[in-house]
N, C-alpha and C. Protein backbone atom coordinates (compact mmCIF):
# COMPACT_ATOMS: atom_id res chain seq x y z
N MET A 1 89.93 82.01 113.27
CA MET A 1 90.42 83.33 112.89
C MET A 1 90.32 84.23 114.12
N SER A 2 91.36 84.97 114.35
CA SER A 2 91.41 85.85 115.51
C SER A 2 91.31 87.31 115.05
N ALA A 3 90.53 88.10 115.81
CA ALA A 3 90.39 89.52 115.47
C ALA A 3 91.49 90.35 116.09
N HIS A 4 92.14 89.81 117.10
CA HIS A 4 93.21 90.54 117.79
C HIS A 4 94.56 90.17 117.17
N LEU A 5 95.37 91.18 116.89
CA LEU A 5 96.70 90.94 116.34
C LEU A 5 97.69 90.86 117.50
N PRO A 6 98.21 89.66 117.79
CA PRO A 6 99.15 89.54 118.91
C PRO A 6 100.44 90.30 118.63
N GLU A 7 101.10 90.71 119.71
CA GLU A 7 102.34 91.47 119.56
C GLU A 7 103.43 90.61 118.92
N SER A 8 103.54 89.37 119.36
CA SER A 8 104.57 88.48 118.84
C SER A 8 104.01 87.06 118.77
N VAL A 9 104.38 86.34 117.71
CA VAL A 9 103.92 84.96 117.56
C VAL A 9 105.11 84.07 117.19
N ASP A 10 104.97 82.80 117.46
CA ASP A 10 105.94 81.81 116.99
C ASP A 10 105.49 81.43 115.57
N ALA A 11 106.21 81.93 114.59
CA ALA A 11 105.79 81.78 113.20
C ALA A 11 105.63 80.32 112.79
N TRP A 12 106.51 79.47 113.24
CA TRP A 12 106.47 78.07 112.81
C TRP A 12 105.30 77.33 113.45
N ARG A 13 104.92 77.70 114.66
CA ARG A 13 103.72 77.11 115.29
C ARG A 13 102.47 77.61 114.58
N MET A 14 102.50 78.87 114.15
CA MET A 14 101.35 79.43 113.43
C MET A 14 101.16 78.71 112.09
N VAL A 15 102.27 78.39 111.43
CA VAL A 15 102.20 77.66 110.16
C VAL A 15 101.60 76.28 110.40
N SER A 16 102.08 75.58 111.43
CA SER A 16 101.58 74.24 111.74
C SER A 16 100.09 74.26 112.06
N ALA A 17 99.65 75.30 112.76
CA ALA A 17 98.25 75.40 113.16
C ALA A 17 97.39 76.06 112.08
N ARG A 18 98.01 76.55 111.01
CA ARG A 18 97.30 77.25 109.93
C ARG A 18 96.43 78.38 110.49
N ARG A 19 97.02 79.20 111.34
CA ARG A 19 96.31 80.29 112.00
C ARG A 19 96.11 81.46 111.05
N SER A 20 95.07 82.21 111.32
CA SER A 20 94.82 83.42 110.56
C SER A 20 94.32 84.51 111.50
N PHE A 21 94.57 85.74 111.12
CA PHE A 21 94.20 86.91 111.91
C PHE A 21 93.57 87.93 110.97
N ALA A 22 92.51 88.58 111.45
CA ALA A 22 91.88 89.63 110.66
C ALA A 22 91.36 90.70 111.60
N GLY A 23 91.39 91.93 111.14
CA GLY A 23 90.90 93.02 111.96
C GLY A 23 91.40 94.34 111.43
N SER A 24 91.41 95.34 112.31
CA SER A 24 91.91 96.65 111.93
C SER A 24 92.47 97.35 113.15
N PHE A 25 93.32 98.32 112.89
CA PHE A 25 93.88 99.16 113.94
C PHE A 25 94.22 100.51 113.33
N PRO A 26 94.35 101.55 114.17
CA PRO A 26 94.63 102.89 113.63
C PRO A 26 96.06 103.01 113.10
N VAL A 27 96.22 103.82 112.06
CA VAL A 27 97.54 104.09 111.48
C VAL A 27 98.46 104.70 112.54
N ALA A 28 97.90 105.41 113.50
CA ALA A 28 98.70 106.08 114.53
C ALA A 28 99.56 105.10 115.33
N ARG A 29 99.22 103.80 115.33
CA ARG A 29 100.03 102.81 116.06
C ARG A 29 101.34 102.48 115.36
N LEU A 30 101.48 102.87 114.11
CA LEU A 30 102.68 102.53 113.33
C LEU A 30 103.60 103.75 113.26
N ALA A 31 104.54 103.83 114.18
CA ALA A 31 105.39 105.03 114.33
C ALA A 31 106.24 105.29 113.09
N ARG A 32 106.86 104.26 112.53
CA ARG A 32 107.73 104.48 111.36
C ARG A 32 106.93 104.93 110.15
N LEU A 33 105.77 104.35 109.95
CA LEU A 33 104.90 104.76 108.84
C LEU A 33 104.37 106.16 109.08
N ARG A 34 103.95 106.43 110.30
CA ARG A 34 103.39 107.74 110.64
C ARG A 34 104.38 108.86 110.34
N SER A 35 105.68 108.60 110.51
CA SER A 35 106.68 109.64 110.25
C SER A 35 106.77 110.00 108.76
N GLN A 36 106.25 109.16 107.88
CA GLN A 36 106.29 109.41 106.44
C GLN A 36 104.99 110.01 105.91
N LEU A 37 104.02 110.20 106.79
CA LEU A 37 102.69 110.64 106.38
C LEU A 37 102.44 112.10 106.73
N ALA A 38 101.40 112.67 106.13
CA ALA A 38 101.01 114.05 106.42
C ALA A 38 100.11 114.12 107.65
N GLY A 39 99.61 113.00 108.11
CA GLY A 39 98.75 112.95 109.30
C GLY A 39 98.66 111.53 109.78
N ASP A 40 98.10 111.36 110.97
CA ASP A 40 98.02 110.00 111.51
C ASP A 40 96.59 109.48 111.57
N SER A 41 95.69 110.08 110.80
CA SER A 41 94.33 109.56 110.76
C SER A 41 94.27 108.41 109.76
N GLY A 42 93.26 107.61 109.88
CA GLY A 42 93.09 106.47 108.98
C GLY A 42 93.25 105.16 109.72
N ASP A 43 92.84 104.10 109.07
CA ASP A 43 92.89 102.77 109.65
C ASP A 43 93.61 101.80 108.73
N VAL A 44 94.14 100.76 109.34
CA VAL A 44 94.78 99.66 108.62
C VAL A 44 93.89 98.44 108.80
N ASP A 45 93.35 97.92 107.70
CA ASP A 45 92.58 96.68 107.73
C ASP A 45 93.49 95.56 107.26
N TYR A 46 93.50 94.46 107.98
CA TYR A 46 94.43 93.38 107.65
C TYR A 46 93.75 92.03 107.69
N GLN A 47 94.30 91.12 106.91
CA GLN A 47 93.96 89.71 106.97
C GLN A 47 95.26 88.96 106.74
N LEU A 48 95.70 88.22 107.74
CA LEU A 48 96.95 87.48 107.69
C LEU A 48 96.64 86.00 107.83
N GLU A 49 97.31 85.19 107.02
CA GLU A 49 97.06 83.75 107.07
C GLU A 49 98.38 83.00 106.96
N PHE A 50 98.62 82.12 107.92
CA PHE A 50 99.80 81.25 107.90
C PHE A 50 99.39 79.91 107.30
N GLY A 51 100.34 79.26 106.61
CA GLY A 51 100.06 77.95 106.08
C GLY A 51 101.23 77.38 105.30
N ARG A 52 100.96 76.25 104.65
CA ARG A 52 101.93 75.60 103.76
C ARG A 52 101.24 75.37 102.42
N ASP A 53 101.99 75.60 101.35
CA ASP A 53 101.41 75.37 100.02
C ASP A 53 101.57 73.91 99.62
N ASP A 54 101.22 73.59 98.38
CA ASP A 54 101.30 72.20 97.89
C ASP A 54 102.72 71.66 97.87
N LEU A 55 103.71 72.56 97.78
CA LEU A 55 105.11 72.14 97.76
C LEU A 55 105.70 72.05 99.17
N GLY A 56 104.91 72.36 100.18
CA GLY A 56 105.38 72.31 101.56
C GLY A 56 106.10 73.56 102.01
N VAL A 57 106.00 74.64 101.24
CA VAL A 57 106.66 75.90 101.59
C VAL A 57 105.79 76.65 102.60
N ALA A 58 106.39 77.00 103.73
CA ALA A 58 105.69 77.78 104.75
C ALA A 58 105.51 79.21 104.25
N TYR A 59 104.32 79.77 104.48
CA TYR A 59 104.07 81.12 103.99
C TYR A 59 103.23 81.91 104.98
N LEU A 60 103.29 83.21 104.79
CA LEU A 60 102.41 84.16 105.46
C LEU A 60 101.77 84.99 104.36
N GLU A 61 100.46 84.87 104.23
CA GLU A 61 99.75 85.63 103.21
C GLU A 61 99.16 86.88 103.84
N LEU A 62 99.44 88.02 103.22
CA LEU A 62 98.97 89.31 103.73
C LEU A 62 98.01 89.95 102.75
N GLN A 63 96.90 90.41 103.27
CA GLN A 63 96.00 91.28 102.53
C GLN A 63 95.78 92.48 103.44
N VAL A 64 96.32 93.61 103.04
CA VAL A 64 96.30 94.80 103.88
C VAL A 64 95.77 95.97 103.06
N ARG A 65 94.93 96.76 103.69
CA ARG A 65 94.40 97.97 103.07
C ARG A 65 94.49 99.08 104.11
N ALA A 66 95.15 100.18 103.75
CA ALA A 66 95.32 101.29 104.68
C ALA A 66 94.97 102.60 103.99
N VAL A 67 94.18 103.40 104.66
CA VAL A 67 93.85 104.74 104.17
C VAL A 67 94.78 105.71 104.89
N VAL A 68 95.62 106.41 104.12
CA VAL A 68 96.64 107.28 104.72
C VAL A 68 96.61 108.67 104.08
N ASP A 69 97.17 109.63 104.80
CA ASP A 69 97.30 111.00 104.30
C ASP A 69 98.75 111.23 103.89
N LEU A 70 98.96 111.63 102.63
CA LEU A 70 100.29 111.93 102.12
C LEU A 70 100.38 113.40 101.74
N LEU A 71 101.58 113.89 101.56
CA LEU A 71 101.80 115.27 101.16
C LEU A 71 102.15 115.29 99.67
N CYS A 72 101.30 115.92 98.86
CA CYS A 72 101.52 116.00 97.42
C CYS A 72 102.78 116.82 97.15
N GLN A 73 103.69 116.29 96.37
CA GLN A 73 104.94 116.98 96.08
C GLN A 73 104.80 117.98 94.95
N ARG A 74 103.64 118.03 94.30
CA ARG A 74 103.39 119.06 93.28
C ARG A 74 102.77 120.30 93.91
N THR A 75 101.79 120.08 94.80
CA THR A 75 101.05 121.20 95.37
C THR A 75 101.40 121.47 96.82
N LEU A 76 102.13 120.56 97.46
CA LEU A 76 102.48 120.63 98.88
C LEU A 76 101.24 120.70 99.77
N GLU A 77 100.17 120.05 99.34
CA GLU A 77 98.95 119.95 100.12
C GLU A 77 98.70 118.49 100.45
N PRO A 78 98.14 118.20 101.63
CA PRO A 78 97.86 116.81 101.98
C PRO A 78 96.71 116.25 101.14
N PHE A 79 96.76 114.97 100.89
CA PHE A 79 95.68 114.27 100.20
C PHE A 79 95.58 112.86 100.76
N ARG A 80 94.41 112.28 100.66
CA ARG A 80 94.14 110.95 101.20
C ARG A 80 94.22 109.93 100.07
N THR A 81 94.87 108.82 100.35
CA THR A 81 94.98 107.75 99.37
C THR A 81 94.90 106.40 100.08
N THR A 82 94.73 105.35 99.30
CA THR A 82 94.62 104.00 99.84
C THR A 82 95.82 103.18 99.38
N LEU A 83 96.45 102.52 100.33
CA LEU A 83 97.52 101.57 100.03
C LEU A 83 96.92 100.18 100.14
N ALA A 84 97.06 99.38 99.12
CA ALA A 84 96.49 98.03 99.12
C ALA A 84 97.59 97.02 98.81
N LEU A 85 97.68 95.99 99.65
CA LEU A 85 98.69 94.95 99.48
C LEU A 85 98.00 93.59 99.42
N ASP A 86 98.50 92.74 98.57
CA ASP A 86 98.05 91.36 98.50
C ASP A 86 99.28 90.55 98.10
N LEU A 87 99.95 89.97 99.08
CA LEU A 87 101.18 89.26 98.76
C LEU A 87 101.37 88.05 99.66
N ARG A 88 102.25 87.19 99.21
CA ARG A 88 102.57 85.97 99.95
C ARG A 88 104.06 85.98 100.25
N LEU A 89 104.37 85.91 101.53
CA LEU A 89 105.75 85.88 101.99
C LEU A 89 106.13 84.44 102.30
N GLY A 90 107.20 83.97 101.70
CA GLY A 90 107.72 82.64 102.00
C GLY A 90 108.60 82.72 103.24
N LEU A 91 108.25 81.97 104.26
CA LEU A 91 109.01 82.00 105.51
C LEU A 91 110.24 81.11 105.39
N ILE A 92 111.39 81.68 105.67
CA ILE A 92 112.65 80.93 105.57
C ILE A 92 113.43 81.09 106.87
N ARG A 93 114.24 80.08 107.19
CA ARG A 93 115.07 80.11 108.40
C ARG A 93 116.48 80.60 108.12
N ASP A 94 116.91 80.50 106.86
CA ASP A 94 118.27 80.84 106.47
C ASP A 94 118.23 81.56 105.12
N GLU A 95 119.14 82.48 104.90
CA GLU A 95 119.15 83.23 103.64
C GLU A 95 119.34 82.33 102.43
N ALA A 96 120.03 81.21 102.60
CA ALA A 96 120.25 80.29 101.48
C ALA A 96 118.94 79.66 101.01
N ASP A 97 117.93 79.61 101.89
CA ASP A 97 116.64 79.02 101.52
C ASP A 97 115.84 79.90 100.57
N GLU A 98 116.25 81.14 100.41
CA GLU A 98 115.50 82.07 99.57
C GLU A 98 115.43 81.59 98.12
N PHE A 99 116.48 80.95 97.65
CA PHE A 99 116.53 80.52 96.25
C PHE A 99 115.60 79.34 95.98
N ALA A 100 115.15 78.66 97.03
CA ALA A 100 114.24 77.53 96.86
C ALA A 100 112.78 77.96 96.82
N LEU A 101 112.50 79.23 97.05
CA LEU A 101 111.12 79.70 97.05
C LEU A 101 110.56 79.70 95.63
N PRO A 102 109.31 79.31 95.48
CA PRO A 102 108.69 79.34 94.15
C PRO A 102 108.48 80.78 93.67
N PRO A 103 108.27 80.98 92.38
CA PRO A 103 108.01 82.33 91.86
C PRO A 103 106.74 82.91 92.51
N GLY A 104 106.76 84.21 92.73
CA GLY A 104 105.62 84.87 93.34
C GLY A 104 105.71 85.01 94.85
N TYR A 105 106.73 84.41 95.44
CA TYR A 105 106.93 84.52 96.89
C TYR A 105 108.03 85.54 97.16
N GLU A 106 107.83 86.33 98.20
CA GLU A 106 108.89 87.18 98.71
C GLU A 106 109.40 86.53 99.98
N ALA A 107 110.70 86.58 100.19
CA ALA A 107 111.30 85.92 101.34
C ALA A 107 111.13 86.75 102.61
N LEU A 108 110.85 86.06 103.71
CA LEU A 108 110.81 86.68 105.03
C LEU A 108 111.62 85.79 105.96
N LEU A 109 112.76 86.30 106.38
CA LEU A 109 113.66 85.56 107.25
C LEU A 109 113.10 85.56 108.67
N VAL A 110 112.82 84.36 109.20
CA VAL A 110 112.21 84.22 110.52
C VAL A 110 113.00 83.19 111.31
N GLN A 111 113.44 83.59 112.50
CA GLN A 111 114.10 82.63 113.38
C GLN A 111 113.05 81.89 114.21
N ASP A 112 112.43 82.57 115.14
CA ASP A 112 111.39 81.95 115.96
C ASP A 112 110.17 82.85 116.05
N SER A 113 110.33 83.97 116.76
CA SER A 113 109.18 84.84 116.95
C SER A 113 109.09 85.87 115.82
N LEU A 114 107.87 86.31 115.60
CA LEU A 114 107.60 87.24 114.52
C LEU A 114 106.63 88.29 115.03
N ARG A 115 106.98 89.55 114.85
CA ARG A 115 106.11 90.65 115.25
C ARG A 115 105.24 91.02 114.05
N LEU A 116 103.98 90.62 114.10
CA LEU A 116 103.09 90.78 112.95
C LEU A 116 102.84 92.24 112.59
N GLN A 117 102.70 93.09 113.60
CA GLN A 117 102.48 94.51 113.31
C GLN A 117 103.68 95.10 112.58
N ASP A 118 104.89 94.66 112.93
CA ASP A 118 106.08 95.14 112.23
C ASP A 118 106.11 94.67 110.78
N VAL A 119 105.65 93.45 110.53
CA VAL A 119 105.60 92.94 109.15
C VAL A 119 104.63 93.78 108.33
N VAL A 120 103.46 94.05 108.90
CA VAL A 120 102.47 94.88 108.20
C VAL A 120 103.04 96.27 107.94
N GLU A 121 103.69 96.86 108.94
CA GLU A 121 104.27 98.20 108.78
C GLU A 121 105.37 98.21 107.72
N ASP A 122 106.23 97.19 107.73
CA ASP A 122 107.30 97.11 106.73
C ASP A 122 106.72 97.10 105.31
N GLU A 123 105.71 96.29 105.11
CA GLU A 123 105.13 96.17 103.77
C GLU A 123 104.40 97.45 103.36
N LEU A 124 103.77 98.14 104.31
CA LEU A 124 103.13 99.42 103.98
C LEU A 124 104.17 100.47 103.63
N LEU A 125 105.29 100.47 104.34
CA LEU A 125 106.37 101.41 104.01
C LEU A 125 106.89 101.17 102.60
N LEU A 126 107.01 99.91 102.22
CA LEU A 126 107.47 99.59 100.86
C LEU A 126 106.43 99.96 99.81
N ALA A 127 105.16 100.03 100.19
CA ALA A 127 104.10 100.36 99.25
C ALA A 127 103.91 101.86 99.05
N LEU A 128 104.54 102.67 99.89
CA LEU A 128 104.41 104.12 99.74
C LEU A 128 105.02 104.57 98.41
N PRO A 129 104.38 105.51 97.73
CA PRO A 129 104.99 106.03 96.49
C PRO A 129 106.25 106.82 96.80
N LEU A 130 107.24 106.74 95.92
CA LEU A 130 108.48 107.48 96.12
C LEU A 130 108.24 108.98 96.11
N VAL A 131 107.40 109.44 95.20
CA VAL A 131 107.04 110.86 95.10
C VAL A 131 105.52 110.93 95.11
N PRO A 132 104.92 111.19 96.26
CA PRO A 132 103.46 111.24 96.31
C PRO A 132 102.90 112.43 95.53
N MET A 133 101.93 112.14 94.67
CA MET A 133 101.27 113.19 93.89
C MET A 133 99.77 112.92 93.89
N ARG A 134 99.01 113.92 94.26
CA ARG A 134 97.56 113.79 94.28
C ARG A 134 97.07 113.57 92.85
N PRO A 135 96.23 112.59 92.62
CA PRO A 135 95.70 112.38 91.27
C PRO A 135 94.97 113.63 90.79
N GLY A 136 95.25 114.03 89.57
CA GLY A 136 94.61 115.20 88.99
C GLY A 136 95.31 116.51 89.28
N SER A 137 96.39 116.48 90.04
CA SER A 137 97.10 117.73 90.30
C SER A 137 97.87 118.13 89.05
N GLU A 138 97.93 119.43 88.82
CA GLU A 138 98.61 119.93 87.63
C GLU A 138 100.10 120.01 87.88
N ASP A 139 100.85 119.93 86.79
CA ASP A 139 102.29 120.10 86.90
C ASP A 139 102.60 121.48 87.45
N ALA A 140 103.61 121.57 88.29
CA ALA A 140 104.02 122.85 88.86
C ALA A 140 105.09 123.49 87.97
N ILE A 141 104.86 123.47 86.66
CA ILE A 141 105.82 124.06 85.72
C ILE A 141 105.27 125.41 85.29
N ALA A 142 106.13 126.41 85.30
CA ALA A 142 105.72 127.76 84.90
C ALA A 142 105.30 127.74 83.43
N PRO A 143 104.32 128.58 83.05
CA PRO A 143 103.85 128.58 81.66
C PRO A 143 104.95 128.85 80.64
N TRP A 144 105.90 129.69 80.99
CA TRP A 144 106.96 130.00 80.03
C TRP A 144 107.87 128.81 79.79
N GLN A 145 107.88 127.84 80.71
CA GLN A 145 108.73 126.66 80.51
C GLN A 145 108.13 125.69 79.51
N ASN A 146 106.82 125.79 79.28
CA ASN A 146 106.18 124.89 78.34
C ASN A 146 106.31 125.37 76.89
N GLU A 147 106.62 126.65 76.70
CA GLU A 147 106.74 127.18 75.35
C GLU A 147 108.02 126.67 74.70
N ALA A 148 107.92 126.48 73.39
CA ALA A 148 109.10 126.03 72.65
C ALA A 148 110.12 127.16 72.59
N LEU A 149 111.34 126.84 72.85
CA LEU A 149 112.41 127.83 72.80
C LEU A 149 112.91 127.96 71.37
N GLU A 150 113.18 129.19 70.97
CA GLU A 150 113.73 129.42 69.64
C GLU A 150 115.19 128.99 69.63
N PRO A 151 115.62 128.37 68.54
CA PRO A 151 117.03 127.96 68.49
C PRO A 151 117.94 129.19 68.47
N VAL A 152 119.01 129.10 69.16
CA VAL A 152 119.98 130.19 69.23
C VAL A 152 120.98 130.01 68.10
N ALA A 153 121.18 131.09 67.32
CA ALA A 153 122.14 131.02 66.21
C ALA A 153 123.55 130.98 66.79
N THR A 154 124.40 130.18 66.18
CA THR A 154 125.78 130.11 66.66
C THR A 154 126.51 131.38 66.26
N PRO A 155 127.25 131.96 67.17
CA PRO A 155 127.97 133.19 66.84
C PRO A 155 129.08 132.89 65.81
N PRO A 156 129.41 133.89 64.99
CA PRO A 156 130.47 133.66 63.99
C PRO A 156 131.82 133.47 64.68
N HIS A 157 132.63 132.65 64.08
CA HIS A 157 133.97 132.38 64.62
C HIS A 157 134.87 133.57 64.28
N PRO A 158 135.56 134.18 65.25
CA PRO A 158 136.34 135.39 64.99
C PRO A 158 137.54 135.16 64.06
N PHE A 159 138.04 133.95 63.97
CA PHE A 159 139.22 133.71 63.14
C PHE A 159 138.89 132.96 61.85
N ALA A 160 137.62 132.99 61.45
CA ALA A 160 137.21 132.30 60.23
C ALA A 160 137.92 132.88 59.01
N GLY A 161 138.11 134.20 58.97
CA GLY A 161 138.81 134.84 57.85
C GLY A 161 140.25 134.39 57.76
N LEU A 162 140.96 134.27 58.87
CA LEU A 162 142.35 133.80 58.87
C LEU A 162 142.44 132.36 58.39
N HIS A 163 141.48 131.56 58.77
CA HIS A 163 141.47 130.16 58.35
C HIS A 163 141.35 130.08 56.83
N LYS A 164 140.53 130.96 56.26
CA LYS A 164 140.34 130.97 54.82
C LYS A 164 141.64 131.41 54.12
N LEU A 165 142.32 132.45 54.64
CA LEU A 165 143.58 132.93 54.06
C LEU A 165 144.67 131.87 54.15
N LYS A 166 144.70 131.15 55.22
CA LYS A 166 145.72 130.13 55.42
C LYS A 166 145.59 129.01 54.39
N HIS A 167 144.39 128.66 54.02
CA HIS A 167 144.18 127.57 53.08
C HIS A 167 144.20 128.03 51.63
N ASP A 168 144.30 129.29 51.35
CA ASP A 168 144.37 129.79 49.96
C ASP A 168 145.75 129.75 49.42
């Protein structure tokens, strides 16, 4: 097991060697993720493992935990939350191979080299909530909006009398 996350690896050699990597790095190193956050403090802890399952399917197993700062969309104040991932990516060489993956695998198209930090960043971006809300924050609805509205009576039809005369 290696504590250093290499910039680029040959994914298929890593599968053959059953390599694994574990360690941590600052969130600030992930530019695309950082642009979606309220701050760049926090760390990303990772454990990556390459291998083959009983069916011979090459995989990359990710266990990632990141503490990040998000902007609450109810209060517009930053809050700290944890993103946790535990998934298995089935490594494929061609898009047609995706259908052969067993259930529970997500496809990762790999030609030769693989940038592990980019894979971690991609999965963290997918784990971000669509609308971040701090747990326990109150709805930003005005009190008058919560009150039941009285039904509005329909106004009388101005030609109702003519309609009655016509049918008599």
